[in-house]
Amino acid sequence: NGREGKTVNLVSAPEFGDCEAHIEFCVPKGSNSGVYFQGRYEIQVLDSFENVTYPDGQAGAIYGQFPPLVNASRPAGQWQSFDILFTAPRFQPDGALESPAYATVLHNGVVVHNHTALVGPMSFRALPRYTAHGPKGPILLQDHGDPVRYRNIWVRELKGYDQPGE
């Protein structure tokens, strides 16, 4: 990668719209990362066990928008899991938002978001705002310079009544 000793974001080659994802992660003390759907919509990965941080930045948060309903974090260094149902936003032909993205998130088997409507894509210290984009995008595991580990990742596309099979 030309960056000896440095890491980079991990980005899936396949792209996904509506999907179900299972992701296991291990967060060292004080570490930070994130799981992005369509490369835009972030579920926070953070050492949140007995580690005070702002509510919408803790593990399982829809980053910068909604804190998790409960802190389901395990101690730093233990393997944890997310099971996420992601519904991609829909846009009208003129680019206007037809329906927002939604996320249902289970953190270590505990529901921390239940069909939560996202305000927009991840935005740091700014109000998120939707702009039209394609129906699919990559899954991105954020490199925040911390040694967060991931394993046992699988994603399956979900096709609904408005998404005929390809």
C-alpha atoms as a PDB file:
ATOM      1  CA  ASN A   1       0.000   0.000   0.000  1.00  0.00           C
ATOM      2  CA  GLY A   2       3.004   2.313   0.025  1.00  0.00           C
ATOM      3  CA  ARG A   3       2.426   3.222   3.680  1.00  0.00           C
ATOM      4  CA  GLU A   4       4.955   1.080   5.536  1.00  0.00           C
ATOM      5  CA  GLY A   5       3.763   0.333   9.051  1.00  0.00           C
ATOM      6  CA  LYS A   6       0.505   2.204   8.564  1.00  0.00           C
ATOM      7  CA  THR A   7      -3.011   0.930   8.144  1.00  0.00           C
ATOM      8  CA  VAL A   8      -5.812   2.007   5.860  1.00  0.00           C
ATOM      9  CA  ASN A   9      -9.593   1.811   5.814  1.00  0.00           C
ATOM     10  CA  LEU A  10     -10.809  -1.607   4.714  1.00  0.00           C
ATOM     11  CA  VAL A  11     -13.376  -1.265   1.935  1.00  0.00           C
ATOM     12  CA  SER A  12     -15.456  -4.107   0.507  1.00  0.00           C
ATOM     13  CA  ALA A  13     -15.231  -4.756  -3.213  1.00  0.00           C
ATOM     14  CA  PRO A  14     -18.905  -5.708  -3.510  1.00  0.00           C
ATOM     15  CA  GLU A  15     -21.407  -2.942  -2.897  1.00  0.00           C
ATOM     16  CA  PHE A  16     -24.610  -3.288  -0.918  1.00  0.00           C
ATOM     17  CA  GLY A  17     -27.922  -1.509  -0.499  1.00  0.00           C
ATOM     18  CA  ASP A  18     -30.367  -3.067   1.947  1.00  0.00           C
ATOM     19  CA  CYS A  19     -28.410  -5.701   3.842  1.00  0.00           C
ATOM     20  CA  GLU A  20     -27.834  -7.718   6.965  1.00  0.00           C
ATOM     21  CA  ALA A  21     -24.313  -7.710   8.384  1.00  0.00           C
ATOM     22  CA  HIS A  22     -22.559  -9.621  11.141  1.00  0.00           C
ATOM     23  CA  ILE A  23     -19.288  -8.107  12.332  1.00  0.00           C
ATOM     24  CA  GLU A  24     -17.079  -9.217  15.209  1.00  0.00           C
ATOM     25  CA  PHE A  25     -14.526  -6.795  16.600  1.00  0.00           C
ATOM     26  CA  CYS A  26     -11.999  -6.473  19.408  1.00  0.00           C
ATOM     27  CA  VAL A  27     -11.293  -2.989  20.705  1.00  0.00           C
ATOM     28  CA  PRO A  28      -8.154  -2.314  22.756  1.00  0.00           C
ATOM     29  CA  LYS A  29      -8.461   0.147  25.656  1.00  0.00           C
ATOM     30  CA  GLY A  30      -9.182   3.656  24.392  1.00  0.00           C
ATOM     31  CA  SER A  31      -9.498   2.577  20.742  1.00  0.00           C
ATOM     32  CA  ASN A  32     -11.873   3.912  18.106  1.00  0.00           C
ATOM     33  CA  SER A  33     -13.173   2.782  14.711  1.00  0.00           C
ATOM     34  CA  GLY A  34     -16.440   2.556  12.809  1.00  0.00           C
ATOM     35  CA  VAL A  35     -18.475   0.434  10.425  1.00  0.00           C
ATOM     36  CA  TYR A  36     -19.829   2.408   7.466  1.00  0.00           C
ATOM     37  CA  PHE A  37     -22.680   1.283   5.239  1.00  0.00           C
ATOM     38  CA  GLN A  38     -22.592   2.559   1.666  1.00  0.00           C
ATOM     39  CA  GLY A  39     -19.328   4.192   2.742  1.00  0.00           C
ATOM     40  CA  ARG A  40     -21.411   6.943   4.450  1.00  0.00           C
ATOM     41  CA  TYR A  41     -23.557   5.794   7.372  1.00  0.00           C
ATOM     42  CA  GLU A  42     -21.548   4.966  10.509  1.00  0.00           C
ATOM     43  CA  ILE A  43     -22.132   2.648  13.432  1.00  0.00           C
ATOM     44  CA  GLN A  44     -19.496   3.542  16.019  1.00  0.00           C
ATOM     45  CA  VAL A  45     -16.887   1.076  17.281  1.00  0.00           C
ATOM     46  CA  LEU A  46     -15.274   2.318  20.492  1.00  0.00           C
ATOM     47  CA  ASP A  47     -13.967   1.138  23.838  1.00  0.00           C
ATOM     48  CA  SER A  48     -17.130   2.107  25.764  1.00  0.00           C
ATOM     49  CA  PHE A  49     -16.897  -0.230  28.764  1.00  0.00           C
ATOM     50  CA  GLU A  50     -16.599   2.028  31.811  1.00  0.00           C
ATOM     51  CA  ASN A  51     -15.174   4.659  29.448  1.00  0.00           C
ATOM     52  CA  VAL A  52     -17.094   7.923  29.509  1.00  0.00           C
ATOM     53  CA  THR A  53     -17.628   9.586  26.136  1.00  0.00           C
ATOM     54  CA  TYR A  54     -20.331  11.669  24.496  1.00  0.00           C
ATOM     55  CA  PRO A  55     -23.587   9.694  24.052  1.00  0.00           C
ATOM     56  CA  ASP A  56     -23.765   9.665  20.246  1.00  0.00           C
ATOM     57  CA  GLY A  57     -20.104   8.653  20.006  1.00  0.00           C
ATOM     58  CA  GLN A  58     -20.142   5.519  22.154  1.00  0.00           C
ATOM     59  CA  ALA A  59     -20.027   1.971  20.808  1.00  0.00           C
ATOM     60  CA  GLY A  60     -23.188   1.093  18.894  1.00  0.00           C
ATOM     61  CA  ALA A  61     -24.156   4.715  18.334  1.00  0.00           C
ATOM     62  CA  ILE A  62     -25.310   5.954  14.978  1.00  0.00           C
ATOM     63  CA  TYR A  63     -22.350   8.277  15.077  1.00  0.00           C
ATOM     64  CA  GLY A  64     -23.170  11.913  15.701  1.00  0.00           C
ATOM     65  CA  GLN A  65     -26.920  11.245  15.613  1.00  0.00           C
ATOM     66  CA  PHE A  66     -28.299   8.729  18.097  1.00  0.00           C
ATOM     67  CA  PRO A  67     -26.770   7.068  21.150  1.00  0.00           C
ATOM     68  CA  PRO A  68     -27.467   3.376  21.662  1.00  0.00           C
ATOM     69  CA  LEU A  69     -30.525   2.550  23.780  1.00  0.00           C
ATOM     70  CA  VAL A  70     -28.173   0.820  26.253  1.00  0.00           C
ATOM     71  CA  ASN A  71     -24.422   0.391  26.645  1.00  0.00           C
ATOM     72  CA  ALA A  72     -23.877  -3.285  25.776  1.00  0.00           C
ATOM     73  CA  SER A  73     -20.081  -3.045  25.606  1.00  0.00           C
ATOM     74  CA  ARG A  74     -17.731  -5.672  26.964  1.00  0.00           C
ATOM     75  CA  PRO A  75     -14.364  -4.783  28.518  1.00  0.00           C
ATOM     76  CA  ALA A  76     -11.552  -3.694  26.190  1.00  0.00           C
ATOM     77  CA  GLY A  77      -9.735  -6.615  24.596  1.00  0.00           C
ATOM     78  CA  GLN A  78     -12.779  -8.928  24.494  1.00  0.00           C
ATOM     79  CA  TRP A  79     -14.436  -9.934  21.232  1.00  0.00           C
ATOM     80  CA  GLN A  80     -17.777  -8.239  20.593  1.00  0.00           C
ATOM     81  CA  SER A  81     -20.339  -8.375  17.813  1.00  0.00           C
ATOM     82  CA  PHE A  82     -22.712  -6.248  15.815  1.00  0.00           C
ATOM     83  CA  ASP A  83     -25.669  -7.679  13.938  1.00  0.00           C
ATOM     84  CA  ILE A  84     -27.033  -4.898  11.762  1.00  0.00           C
ATOM     85  CA  LEU A  85     -30.013  -4.600   9.437  1.00  0.00           C
ATOM     86  CA  PHE A  86     -29.445  -1.632   7.165  1.00  0.00           C
ATOM     87  CA  THR A  87     -32.073  -0.161   4.862  1.00  0.00           C
ATOM     88  CA  ALA A  88     -30.599   2.167   2.259  1.00  0.00           C
ATOM     89  CA  PRO A  89     -32.159   5.576   1.691  1.00  0.00           C
ATOM     90  CA  ARG A  90     -34.341   6.080  -1.367  1.00  0.00           C
ATOM     91  CA  PHE A  91     -34.180   9.136  -3.595  1.00  0.00           C
ATOM     92  CA  GLN A  92     -36.643  10.526  -6.100  1.00  0.00           C
ATOM     93  CA  PRO A  93     -35.515  11.058  -9.717  1.00  0.00           C
ATOM     94  CA  ASP A  94     -34.894  14.755  -8.972  1.00  0.00           C
ATOM     95  CA  GLY A  95     -32.543  13.814  -6.096  1.00  0.00           C
ATOM     96  CA  ALA A  96     -34.965  14.639  -3.274  1.00  0.00           C
ATOM     97  CA  LEU A  97     -35.064  12.237  -0.359  1.00  0.00           C
ATOM     98  CA  GLU A  98     -37.951   9.787  -0.651  1.00  0.00           C
ATOM     99  CA  SER A  99     -37.167   7.779   2.509  1.00  0.00           C
ATOM    100  CA  PRO A 100     -34.211   7.893   4.912  1.00  0.00           C
ATOM    101  CA  ALA A 101     -31.775   5.126   5.740  1.00  0.00           C
ATOM    102  CA  TYR A 102     -32.775   2.917   8.678  1.00  0.00           C
ATOM    103  CA  ALA A 103     -30.669   0.808  11.023  1.00  0.00           C
ATOM    104  CA  THR A 104     -31.513  -1.933  13.478  1.00  0.00           C
ATOM    105  CA  VAL A 105     -28.429  -2.750  15.531  1.00  0.00           C
ATOM    106  CA  LEU A 106     -27.777  -5.543  18.007  1.00  0.00           C
ATOM    107  CA  HIS A 107     -24.587  -5.112  20.006  1.00  0.00           C
ATOM    108  CA  ASN A 108     -23.530  -8.344  21.694  1.00  0.00           C
ATOM    109  CA  GLY A 109     -27.056  -9.648  21.129  1.00  0.00           C
ATOM    110  CA  VAL A 110     -28.763  -6.625  22.727  1.00  0.00           C
ATOM    111  CA  VAL A 111     -30.959  -4.288  20.641  1.00  0.00           C
ATOM    112  CA  VAL A 112     -29.371  -0.836  20.746  1.00  0.00           C
ATOM    113  CA  HIS A 113     -31.313   0.623  17.752  1.00  0.00           C
ATOM    114  CA  ASN A 114     -34.685  -0.558  16.506  1.00  0.00           C
ATOM    115  CA  HIS A 115     -35.443   0.565  12.963  1.00  0.00           C
ATOM    116  CA  THR A 116     -33.939   3.988  13.648  1.00  0.00           C
ATOM    117  CA  ALA A 117     -34.241   6.553  10.842  1.00  0.00           C
ATOM    118  CA  LEU A 118     -30.869   8.161  10.140  1.00  0.00           C
ATOM    119  CA  VAL A 119     -30.749  11.939   9.780  1.00  0.00           C
ATOM    120  CA  GLY A 120     -28.169  11.615   6.997  1.00  0.00           C
ATOM    121  CA  PRO A 121     -24.635  10.316   6.420  1.00  0.00           C
ATOM    122  CA  MET A 122     -21.931  10.577   9.072  1.00  0.00           C
ATOM    123  CA  SER A 123     -20.915  14.154   9.655  1.00  0.00           C
ATOM    124  CA  PHE A 124     -18.343  15.287  12.230  1.00  0.00           C
ATOM    125  CA  ARG A 125     -19.594  18.207  14.324  1.00  0.00           C
ATOM    126  CA  ALA A 126     -22.095  19.244  11.684  1.00  0.00           C
ATOM    127  CA  LEU A 127     -25.713  18.504  10.896  1.00  0.00           C
ATOM    128  CA  PRO A 128     -25.946  15.518   8.563  1.00  0.00           C
ATOM    129  CA  ARG A 129     -27.651  16.145   5.262  1.00  0.00           C
ATOM    130  CA  TYR A 130     -28.701  13.713   2.596  1.00  0.00           C
ATOM    131  CA  THR A 131     -27.501  14.159  -0.949  1.00  0.00           C
ATOM    132  CA  ALA A 132     -28.635  11.752  -3.636  1.00  0.00           C
ATOM    133  CA  HIS A 133     -26.375   8.796  -4.331  1.00  0.00           C
ATOM    134  CA  GLY A 134     -26.625   5.370  -5.910  1.00  0.00           C
ATOM    135  CA  PRO A 135     -28.602   2.510  -4.392  1.00  0.00           C
ATOM    136  CA  LYS A 136     -25.494   0.606  -3.286  1.00  0.00           C
ATOM    137  CA  GLY A 137     -22.124   1.325  -1.758  1.00  0.00           C
ATOM    138  CA  PRO A 138     -19.269  -0.467   0.003  1.00  0.00           C
ATOM    139  CA  ILE A 139     -18.984  -1.559   3.602  1.00  0.00           C
ATOM    140  CA  LEU A 140     -16.054   0.337   5.123  1.00  0.00           C
ATOM    141  CA  LEU A 141     -14.160  -0.490   8.308  1.00  0.00           C
ATOM    142  CA  GLN A 142     -12.613   2.753   9.481  1.00  0.00           C
ATOM    143  CA  ASP A 143      -8.920   3.093  10.241  1.00  0.00           C
ATOM    144  CA  HIS A 144      -8.696   5.613  13.048  1.00  0.00           C
ATOM    145  CA  GLY A 145      -5.065   4.797  13.757  1.00  0.00           C
ATOM    146  CA  ASP A 146      -6.002   2.329  16.513  1.00  0.00           C
ATOM    147  CA  PRO A 147      -5.316  -1.437  16.518  1.00  0.00           C
ATOM    148  CA  VAL A 148      -8.974  -2.530  16.335  1.00  0.00           C
ATOM    149  CA  ARG A 149      -9.321  -6.095  15.028  1.00  0.00           C
ATOM    150  CA  TYR A 150     -12.189  -7.541  12.982  1.00  0.00           C
ATOM    151  CA  ARG A 151     -13.159 -11.130  12.198  1.00  0.00           C
ATOM    152  CA  ASN A 152     -16.107 -13.293  11.091  1.00  0.00           C
ATOM    153  CA  ILE A 153     -17.658 -10.657   8.872  1.00  0.00           C
ATOM    154  CA  TRP A 154     -20.493 -11.565   6.570  1.00  0.00           C
ATOM    155  CA  VAL A 155     -22.983  -9.464   4.678  1.00  0.00           C
ATOM    156  CA  ARG A 156     -26.045 -10.608   2.797  1.00  0.00           C
ATOM    157  CA  GLU A 157     -28.117  -8.454   0.558  1.00  0.00           C
ATOM    158  CA  LEU A 158     -31.789  -8.123   1.439  1.00  0.00           C
ATOM    159  CA  LYS A 159     -34.287  -7.805  -1.366  1.00  0.00           C
ATOM    160  CA  GLY A 160     -37.705  -6.435  -0.514  1.00  0.00           C
ATOM    161  CA  TYR A 161     -40.928  -5.926  -2.385  1.00  0.00           C
ATOM    162  CA  ASP A 162     -39.457  -2.843  -4.075  1.00  0.00           C
ATOM    163  CA  GLN A 163     -36.191  -4.556  -5.026  1.00  0.00           C
ATOM    164  CA  PRO A 164     -36.683  -7.379  -7.484  1.00  0.00           C
ATOM    165  CA  GLY A 165     -33.913  -9.932  -7.815  1.00  0.00           C
ATOM    166  CA  GLU A 166     -31.156  -9.205 -10.262  1.00  0.00           C
END
